[in-house]
Amino acid sequence: MNVEEIKERLIKNFPKDKVEAFDLRGSGDHFSVVVISDKFENISLVDRHRRIYSIFKDEISQEIHAMQIQTYTYKEWRDKK
């Protein structure tokens, strides 16, 4: 997978939200993703990550070796800034 494919898949699942994807090593198998969505309201961090991992369940440990995940609601994102 590449960054664009990861971003497209995230946008498909979070169409009205902010998503970013980065290739951490330039190797196409270590990625970082940021998803800002109110769909995460009242959802634990573990369940947020499970949701992201489920989007890539067929690629995790095959094409994707590692994925760093950051998830926020819009309020959490504003408070972080």
PDB file of N, CA and C in Angstrom:
ATOM      1  N   MET A   1       0.854  -1.187   0.000  1.00  0.00           N
ATOM      2  CA  MET A   1       0.000   0.000   0.000  1.00  0.00           C
ATOM      3  C   MET A   1       0.887   1.233   0.000  1.00  0.00           C
ATOM      4  N   ASN A   2       0.280   2.316  -0.447  1.00  0.00           N
ATOM      5  CA  ASN A   2       0.977   3.586  -0.357  1.00  0.00           C
ATOM      6  C   ASN A   2       0.100   4.588   0.393  1.00  0.00           C
ATOM      7  N   VAL A   3       0.655   5.746   0.647  1.00  0.00           N
ATOM      8  CA  VAL A   3      -0.043   6.767   1.439  1.00  0.00           C
ATOM      9  C   VAL A   3      -1.385   7.136   0.810  1.00  0.00           C
ATOM     10  N   GLU A   4      -1.414   7.281  -0.490  1.00  0.00           N
ATOM     11  CA  GLU A   4      -2.666   7.668  -1.161  1.00  0.00           C
ATOM     12  C   GLU A   4      -3.740   6.600  -0.998  1.00  0.00           C
ATOM     13  N   GLU A   5      -3.376   5.339  -1.096  1.00  0.00           N
ATOM     14  CA  GLU A   5      -4.345   4.251  -0.915  1.00  0.00           C
ATOM     15  C   GLU A   5      -4.875   4.232   0.515  1.00  0.00           C
ATOM     16  N   ILE A   6      -4.004   4.448   1.468  1.00  0.00           N
ATOM     17  CA  ILE A   6      -4.433   4.485   2.869  1.00  0.00           C
ATOM     18  C   ILE A   6      -5.368   5.663   3.092  1.00  0.00           C
ATOM     19  N   LYS A   7      -4.994   6.824   2.589  1.00  0.00           N
ATOM     20  CA  LYS A   7      -5.823   8.015   2.754  1.00  0.00           C
ATOM     21  C   LYS A   7      -7.186   7.832   2.079  1.00  0.00           C
ATOM     22  N   GLU A   8      -7.209   7.270   0.894  1.00  0.00           N
ATOM     23  CA  GLU A   8      -8.480   7.024   0.192  1.00  0.00           C
ATOM     24  C   GLU A   8      -9.396   6.112   1.002  1.00  0.00           C
ATOM     25  N   ARG A   9      -8.823   5.078   1.572  1.00  0.00           N
ATOM     26  CA  ARG A   9      -9.629   4.145   2.360  1.00  0.00           C
ATOM     27  C   ARG A   9     -10.176   4.831   3.610  1.00  0.00           C
ATOM     28  N   LEU A  10      -9.359   5.654   4.259  1.00  0.00           N
ATOM     29  CA  LEU A  10      -9.828   6.395   5.433  1.00  0.00           C
ATOM     30  C   LEU A  10     -10.928   7.382   5.048  1.00  0.00           C
ATOM     31  N   ILE A  11     -10.748   8.082   3.939  1.00  0.00           N
ATOM     32  CA  ILE A  11     -11.768   9.037   3.483  1.00  0.00           C
ATOM     33  C   ILE A  11     -13.075   8.311   3.174  1.00  0.00           C
ATOM     34  N   LYS A  12     -12.981   7.123   2.616  1.00  0.00           N
ATOM     35  CA  LYS A  12     -14.189   6.331   2.327  1.00  0.00           C
ATOM     36  C   LYS A  12     -14.960   6.038   3.614  1.00  0.00           C
ATOM     37  N   ASN A  13     -14.231   5.786   4.715  1.00  0.00           N
ATOM     38  CA  ASN A  13     -14.861   5.460   5.989  1.00  0.00           C
ATOM     39  C   ASN A  13     -15.175   6.687   6.840  1.00  0.00           C
ATOM     40  N   PHE A  14     -14.519   7.795   6.566  1.00  0.00           N
ATOM     41  CA  PHE A  14     -14.728   9.048   7.291  1.00  0.00           C
ATOM     42  C   PHE A  14     -14.861  10.184   6.277  1.00  0.00           C
ATOM     43  N   PRO A  15     -15.913  10.142   5.441  1.00  0.00           N
ATOM     44  CA  PRO A  15     -16.000  11.048   4.286  1.00  0.00           C
ATOM     45  C   PRO A  15     -16.087  12.540   4.613  1.00  0.00           C
ATOM     46  N   LYS A  16     -16.603  12.897   5.746  1.00  0.00           N
ATOM     47  CA  LYS A  16     -16.774  14.314   6.066  1.00  0.00           C
ATOM     48  C   LYS A  16     -15.748  14.787   7.094  1.00  0.00           C
ATOM     49  N   ASP A  17     -14.755  13.961   7.363  1.00  0.00           N
ATOM     50  CA  ASP A  17     -13.828  14.241   8.441  1.00  0.00           C
ATOM     51  C   ASP A  17     -12.424  14.508   7.914  1.00  0.00           C
ATOM     52  N   LYS A  18     -11.550  14.872   8.810  1.00  0.00           N
ATOM     53  CA  LYS A  18     -10.154  15.182   8.481  1.00  0.00           C
ATOM     54  C   LYS A  18      -9.323  13.914   8.634  1.00  0.00           C
ATOM     55  N   VAL A  19      -8.623  13.539   7.573  1.00  0.00           N
ATOM     56  CA  VAL A  19      -7.743  12.374   7.623  1.00  0.00           C
ATOM     57  C   VAL A  19      -6.395  12.729   7.000  1.00  0.00           C
ATOM     58  N   GLU A  20      -5.348  12.199   7.570  1.00  0.00           N
ATOM     59  CA  GLU A  20      -3.999  12.355   7.046  1.00  0.00           C
ATOM     60  C   GLU A  20      -3.290  11.016   7.145  1.00  0.00           C
ATOM     61  N   ALA A  21      -2.381  10.776   6.237  1.00  0.00           N
ATOM     62  CA  ALA A  21      -1.583   9.552   6.264  1.00  0.00           C
ATOM     63  C   ALA A  21      -0.161   9.900   5.849  1.00  0.00           C
ATOM     64  N   PHE A  22       0.787   9.237   6.498  1.00  0.00           N
ATOM     65  CA  PHE A  22       2.197   9.492   6.248  1.00  0.00           C
ATOM     66  C   PHE A  22       2.953   8.173   6.176  1.00  0.00           C
ATOM     67  N   ASP A  23       3.903   8.090   5.273  1.00  0.00           N
ATOM     68  CA  ASP A  23       4.803   6.945   5.189  1.00  0.00           C
ATOM     69  C   ASP A  23       6.002   7.287   6.067  1.00  0.00           C
ATOM     70  N   LEU A  24       6.161   6.600   7.180  1.00  0.00           N
ATOM     71  CA  LEU A  24       7.169   6.963   8.171  1.00  0.00           C
ATOM     72  C   LEU A  24       8.605   6.687   7.731  1.00  0.00           C
ATOM     73  N   ARG A  25       8.803   5.695   6.905  1.00  0.00           N
ATOM     74  CA  ARG A  25      10.169   5.315   6.514  1.00  0.00           C
ATOM     75  C   ARG A  25      10.419   5.412   5.012  1.00  0.00           C
ATOM     76  N   GLY A  26       9.381   5.726   4.260  1.00  0.00           N
ATOM     77  CA  GLY A  26       9.535   5.739   2.811  1.00  0.00           C
ATOM     78  C   GLY A  26       9.606   4.343   2.224  1.00  0.00           C
ATOM     79  N   SER A  27       9.263   3.358   3.033  1.00  0.00           N
ATOM     80  CA  SER A  27       9.368   1.961   2.603  1.00  0.00           C
ATOM     81  C   SER A  27       8.029   1.349   2.202  1.00  0.00           C
ATOM     82  N   GLY A  28       6.939   2.094   2.419  1.00  0.00           N
ATOM     83  CA  GLY A  28       5.627   1.587   2.048  1.00  0.00           C
ATOM     84  C   GLY A  28       5.060   0.536   2.973  1.00  0.00           C
ATOM     85  N   ASP A  29       5.617   0.422   4.183  1.00  0.00           N
ATOM     86  CA  ASP A  29       5.060  -0.563   5.110  1.00  0.00           C
ATOM     87  C   ASP A  29       4.963  -0.067   6.554  1.00  0.00           C
ATOM     88  N   HIS A  30       5.413   1.142   6.834  1.00  0.00           N
ATOM     89  CA  HIS A  30       5.294   1.766   8.159  1.00  0.00           C
ATOM     90  C   HIS A  30       4.579   3.107   7.982  1.00  0.00           C
ATOM     91  N   PHE A  31       3.390   3.201   8.552  1.00  0.00           N
ATOM     92  CA  PHE A  31       2.571   4.387   8.328  1.00  0.00           C
ATOM     93  C   PHE A  31       2.127   5.037   9.626  1.00  0.00           C
ATOM     94  N   SER A  32       1.779   6.289   9.514  1.00  0.00           N
ATOM     95  CA  SER A  32       1.144   7.036  10.599  1.00  0.00           C
ATOM     96  C   SER A  32      -0.127   7.625  10.032  1.00  0.00           C
ATOM     97  N   VAL A  33      -1.221   7.505  10.774  1.00  0.00           N
ATOM     98  CA  VAL A  33      -2.486   8.093  10.336  1.00  0.00           C
ATOM     99  C   VAL A  33      -3.060   8.958  11.447  1.00  0.00           C
ATOM    100  N   VAL A  34      -3.721  10.025  11.030  1.00  0.00           N
ATOM    101  CA  VAL A  34      -4.436  10.912  11.944  1.00  0.00           C
ATOM    102  C   VAL A  34      -5.857  11.012  11.419  1.00  0.00           C
ATOM    103  N   VAL A  35      -6.821  10.756  12.296  1.00  0.00           N
ATOM    104  CA  VAL A  35      -8.231  10.858  11.918  1.00  0.00           C
ATOM    105  C   VAL A  35      -8.927  11.726  12.966  1.00  0.00           C
ATOM    106  N   ILE A  36      -9.565  12.798  12.489  1.00  0.00           N
ATOM    107  CA  ILE A  36     -10.323  13.682  13.366  1.00  0.00           C
ATOM    108  C   ILE A  36     -11.786  13.552  12.965  1.00  0.00           C
ATOM    109  N   SER A  37     -12.575  13.018  13.900  1.00  0.00           N
ATOM    110  CA  SER A  37     -13.976  12.725  13.596  1.00  0.00           C
ATOM    111  C   SER A  37     -14.805  12.712  14.870  1.00  0.00           C
ATOM    112  N   ASP A  38     -15.987  13.261  14.788  1.00  0.00           N
ATOM    113  CA  ASP A  38     -16.894  13.181  15.926  1.00  0.00           C
ATOM    114  C   ASP A  38     -17.509  11.787  16.056  1.00  0.00           C
ATOM    115  N   LYS A  39     -17.222  10.896  15.118  1.00  0.00           N
ATOM    116  CA  LYS A  39     -17.633   9.495  15.265  1.00  0.00           C
ATOM    117  C   LYS A  39     -16.921   8.842  16.452  1.00  0.00           C
ATOM    118  N   PHE A  40     -15.852   9.474  16.945  1.00  0.00           N
ATOM    119  CA  PHE A  40     -15.104   8.947  18.073  1.00  0.00           C
ATOM    120  C   PHE A  40     -15.631   9.442  19.417  1.00  0.00           C
ATOM    121  N   GLU A  41     -16.674  10.252  19.385  1.00  0.00           N
ATOM    122  CA  GLU A  41     -17.254  10.764  20.623  1.00  0.00           C
ATOM    123  C   GLU A  41     -17.684   9.599  21.518  1.00  0.00           C
ATOM    124  N   ASN A  42     -17.242   9.619  22.770  1.00  0.00           N
ATOM    125  CA  ASN A  42     -17.569   8.599  23.771  1.00  0.00           C
ATOM    126  C   ASN A  42     -17.087   7.196  23.395  1.00  0.00           C
ATOM    127  N   ILE A  43     -16.038   7.109  22.587  1.00  0.00           N
ATOM    128  CA  ILE A  43     -15.446   5.834  22.194  1.00  0.00           C
ATOM    129  C   ILE A  43     -14.050   5.770  22.817  1.00  0.00           C
ATOM    130  N   SER A  44     -13.722   4.670  23.451  1.00  0.00           N
ATOM    131  CA  SER A  44     -12.409   4.534  24.090  1.00  0.00           C
ATOM    132  C   SER A  44     -11.299   4.547  23.036  1.00  0.00           C
ATOM    133  N   LEU A  45     -10.104   4.874  23.483  1.00  0.00           N
ATOM    134  CA  LEU A  45      -8.958   4.894  22.590  1.00  0.00           C
ATOM    135  C   LEU A  45      -8.736   3.530  21.937  1.00  0.00           C
ATOM    136  N   VAL A  46      -8.867   2.480  22.712  1.00  0.00           N
ATOM    137  CA  VAL A  46      -8.688   1.121  22.183  1.00  0.00           C
ATOM    138  C   VAL A  46      -9.715   0.835  21.088  1.00  0.00           C
ATOM    139  N   ASP A  47     -10.963   1.192  21.313  1.00  0.00           N
ATOM    140  CA  ASP A  47     -12.000   0.940  20.309  1.00  0.00           C
ATOM    141  C   ASP A  47     -11.823   1.824  19.078  1.00  0.00           C
ATOM    142  N   ARG A  48     -11.311   3.029  19.267  1.00  0.00           N
ATOM    143  CA  ARG A  48     -11.009   3.890  18.111  1.00  0.00           C
ATOM    144  C   ARG A  48      -9.958   3.222  17.238  1.00  0.00           C
ATOM    145  N   HIS A  49      -8.900   2.723  17.873  1.00  0.00           N
ATOM    146  CA  HIS A  49      -7.831   2.067  17.123  1.00  0.00           C
ATOM    147  C   HIS A  49      -8.327   0.789  16.461  1.00  0.00           C
ATOM    148  N   ARG A  50      -9.162   0.050  17.153  1.00  0.00           N
ATOM    149  CA  ARG A  50      -9.740  -1.163  16.543  1.00  0.00           C
ATOM    150  C   ARG A  50     -10.509  -0.818  15.278  1.00  0.00           C
ATOM    151  N   ARG A  51     -11.216   0.288  15.340  1.00  0.00           N
ATOM    152  CA  ARG A  51     -11.988   0.699  14.160  1.00  0.00           C
ATOM    153  C   ARG A  51     -11.068   0.990  12.982  1.00  0.00           C
ATOM    154  N   ILE A  52      -9.973   1.694  13.240  1.00  0.00           N
ATOM    155  CA  ILE A  52      -9.022   1.987  12.164  1.00  0.00           C
ATOM    156  C   ILE A  52      -8.374   0.701  11.669  1.00  0.00           C
ATOM    157  N   TYR A  53      -7.915  -0.138  12.584  1.00  0.00           N
ATOM    158  CA  TYR A  53      -7.303  -1.405  12.178  1.00  0.00           C
ATOM    159  C   TYR A  53      -8.263  -2.261  11.348  1.00  0.00           C
ATOM    160  N   SER A  54      -9.542  -2.231  11.679  1.00  0.00           N
ATOM    161  CA  SER A  54     -10.504  -3.056  10.934  1.00  0.00           C
ATOM    162  C   SER A  54     -10.601  -2.623   9.463  1.00  0.00           C
ATOM    163  N   ILE A  55     -10.340  -1.371   9.187  1.00  0.00           N
ATOM    164  CA  ILE A  55     -10.367  -0.865   7.808  1.00  0.00           C
ATOM    165  C   ILE A  55      -9.246  -1.507   6.988  1.00  0.00           C
ATOM    166  N   PHE A  56      -8.158  -1.862   7.669  1.00  0.00           N
ATOM    167  CA  PHE A  56      -6.987  -2.414   6.988  1.00  0.00           C
ATOM    168  C   PHE A  56      -6.700  -3.860   7.405  1.00  0.00           C
ATOM    169  N   LYS A  57      -7.730  -4.566   7.845  1.00  0.00           N
ATOM    170  CA  LYS A  57      -7.526  -5.905   8.407  1.00  0.00           C
ATOM    171  C   LYS A  57      -6.836  -6.864   7.441  1.00  0.00           C
ATOM    172  N   ASP A  58      -7.076  -6.727   6.153  1.00  0.00           N
ATOM    173  CA  ASP A  58      -6.450  -7.636   5.188  1.00  0.00           C
ATOM    174  C   ASP A  58      -4.993  -7.282   4.904  1.00  0.00           C
ATOM    175  N   GLU A  59      -4.616  -6.040   5.185  1.00  0.00           N
ATOM    176  CA  GLU A  59      -3.254  -5.601   4.889  1.00  0.00           C
ATOM    177  C   GLU A  59      -2.319  -5.616   6.105  1.00  0.00           C
ATOM    178  N   ILE A  60      -2.902  -5.550   7.315  1.00  0.00           N
ATOM    179  CA  ILE A  60      -2.072  -5.538   8.518  1.00  0.00           C
ATOM    180  C   ILE A  60      -1.282  -6.841   8.590  1.00  0.00           C
ATOM    181  N   SER A  61      -0.003  -6.726   8.808  1.00  0.00           N
ATOM    182  CA  SER A  61       0.984  -7.814   8.890  1.00  0.00           C
ATOM    183  C   SER A  61       1.275  -8.456   7.535  1.00  0.00           C
ATOM    184  N   GLN A  62       0.651  -7.974   6.496  1.00  0.00           N
ATOM    185  CA  GLN A  62       0.991  -8.426   5.138  1.00  0.00           C
ATOM    186  C   GLN A  62       1.723  -7.276   4.445  1.00  0.00           C
ATOM    187  N   GLU A  63       0.959  -6.325   3.938  1.00  0.00           N
ATOM    188  CA  GLU A  63       1.539  -5.151   3.280  1.00  0.00           C
ATOM    189  C   GLU A  63       1.942  -4.080   4.290  1.00  0.00           C
ATOM    190  N   ILE A  64       1.189  -3.984   5.376  1.00  0.00           N
ATOM    191  CA  ILE A  64       1.457  -2.966   6.394  1.00  0.00           C
ATOM    192  C   ILE A  64       2.105  -3.654   7.590  1.00  0.00           C
ATOM    193  N   HIS A  65       3.324  -3.272   7.863  1.00  0.00           N
ATOM    194  CA  HIS A  65       4.039  -3.862   9.001  1.00  0.00           C
ATOM    195  C   HIS A  65       3.704  -3.135  10.302  1.00  0.00           C
ATOM    196  N   ALA A  66       3.555  -1.812  10.237  1.00  0.00           N
ATOM    197  CA  ALA A  66       3.263  -1.029  11.438  1.00  0.00           C
ATOM    198  C   ALA A  66       2.408   0.179  11.062  1.00  0.00           C
ATOM    199  N   MET A  67       1.486   0.531  11.969  1.00  0.00           N
ATOM    200  CA  MET A  67       0.652   1.708  11.751  1.00  0.00           C
ATOM    201  C   MET A  67       0.485   2.444  13.069  1.00  0.00           C
ATOM    202  N   GLN A  68       0.975   3.655  13.094  1.00  0.00           N
ATOM    203  CA  GLN A  68       0.791   4.548  14.242  1.00  0.00           C
ATOM    204  C   GLN A  68      -0.537   5.260  14.021  1.00  0.00           C
ATOM    205  N   ILE A  69      -1.402   5.242  15.022  1.00  0.00           N
ATOM    206  CA  ILE A  69      -2.744   5.795  14.877  1.00  0.00           C
ATOM    207  C   ILE A  69      -2.976   6.896  15.905  1.00  0.00           C
ATOM    208  N   GLN A  70      -3.463   8.033  15.422  1.00  0.00           N
ATOM    209  CA  GLN A  70      -3.894   9.115  16.298  1.00  0.00           C
ATOM    210  C   GLN A  70      -5.345   9.436  15.932  1.00  0.00           C
ATOM    211  N   THR A  71      -6.219   9.373  16.910  1.00  0.00           N
ATOM    212  CA  THR A  71      -7.636   9.646  16.669  1.00  0.00           C
ATOM    213  C   THR A  71      -8.111  10.705  17.653  1.00  0.00           C
ATOM    214  N   TYR A  72      -8.920  11.627  17.143  1.00  0.00           N
ATOM    215  CA  TYR A  72      -9.435  12.723  17.954  1.00  0.00           C
ATOM    216  C   TYR A  72     -10.859  13.053  17.533  1.00  0.00           C
ATOM    217  N   THR A  73     -11.639  13.558  18.474  1.00  0.00           N
ATOM    218  CA  THR A  73     -12.866  14.249  18.102  1.00  0.00           C
ATOM    219  C   THR A  73     -12.440  15.662  17.723  1.00  0.00           C
ATOM    220  N   TYR A  74     -13.324  16.429  17.124  1.00  0.00           N
ATOM    221  CA  TYR A  74     -12.965  17.811  16.771  1.00  0.00           C
ATOM    222  C   TYR A  74     -12.680  18.639  18.019  1.00  0.00           C
ATOM    223  N   LYS A  75     -13.409  18.390  19.089  1.00  0.00           N
ATOM    224  CA  LYS A  75     -13.169  19.112  20.345  1.00  0.00           C
ATOM    225  C   LYS A  75     -11.795  18.761  20.904  1.00  0.00           C
ATOM    226  N   GLU A  76     -11.459  17.478  20.911  1.00  0.00           N
ATOM    227  CA  GLU A  76     -10.153  17.055  21.403  1.00  0.00           C
ATOM    228  C   GLU A  76      -9.029  17.691  20.581  1.00  0.00           C
ATOM    229  N   TRP A  77      -9.235  17.764  19.276  1.00  0.00           N
ATOM    230  CA  TRP A  77      -8.234  18.366  18.398  1.00  0.00           C
ATOM    231  C   TRP A  77      -8.057  19.855  18.699  1.00  0.00           C
ATOM    232  N   ARG A  78      -9.182  20.565  18.876  1.00  0.00           N
ATOM    233  CA  ARG A  78      -9.114  21.992  19.210  1.00  0.00           C
ATOM    234  C   ARG A  78      -8.435  22.189  20.563  1.00  0.00           C
ATOM    235  N   ASP A  79      -8.769  21.364  21.545  1.00  0.00           N
ATOM    236  CA  ASP A  79      -8.174  21.479  22.879  1.00  0.00           C
ATOM    237  C   ASP A  79      -6.682  21.158  22.848  1.00  0.00           C
ATOM    238  N   LYS A  80      -6.273  20.278  21.945  1.00  0.00           N
ATOM    239  CA  LYS A  80      -4.859  19.908  21.821  1.00  0.00           C
ATOM    240  C   LYS A  80      -4.035  21.080  21.300  1.00  0.00           C
ATOM    241  N   LYS A  81      -4.645  21.857  20.440  1.00  0.00           N
ATOM    242  CA  LYS A  81      -3.949  23.003  19.842  1.00  0.00           C
ATOM    243  C   LYS A  81      -3.912  24.113  20.839  1.00  0.00           C
TER     244      LYS A  81
END
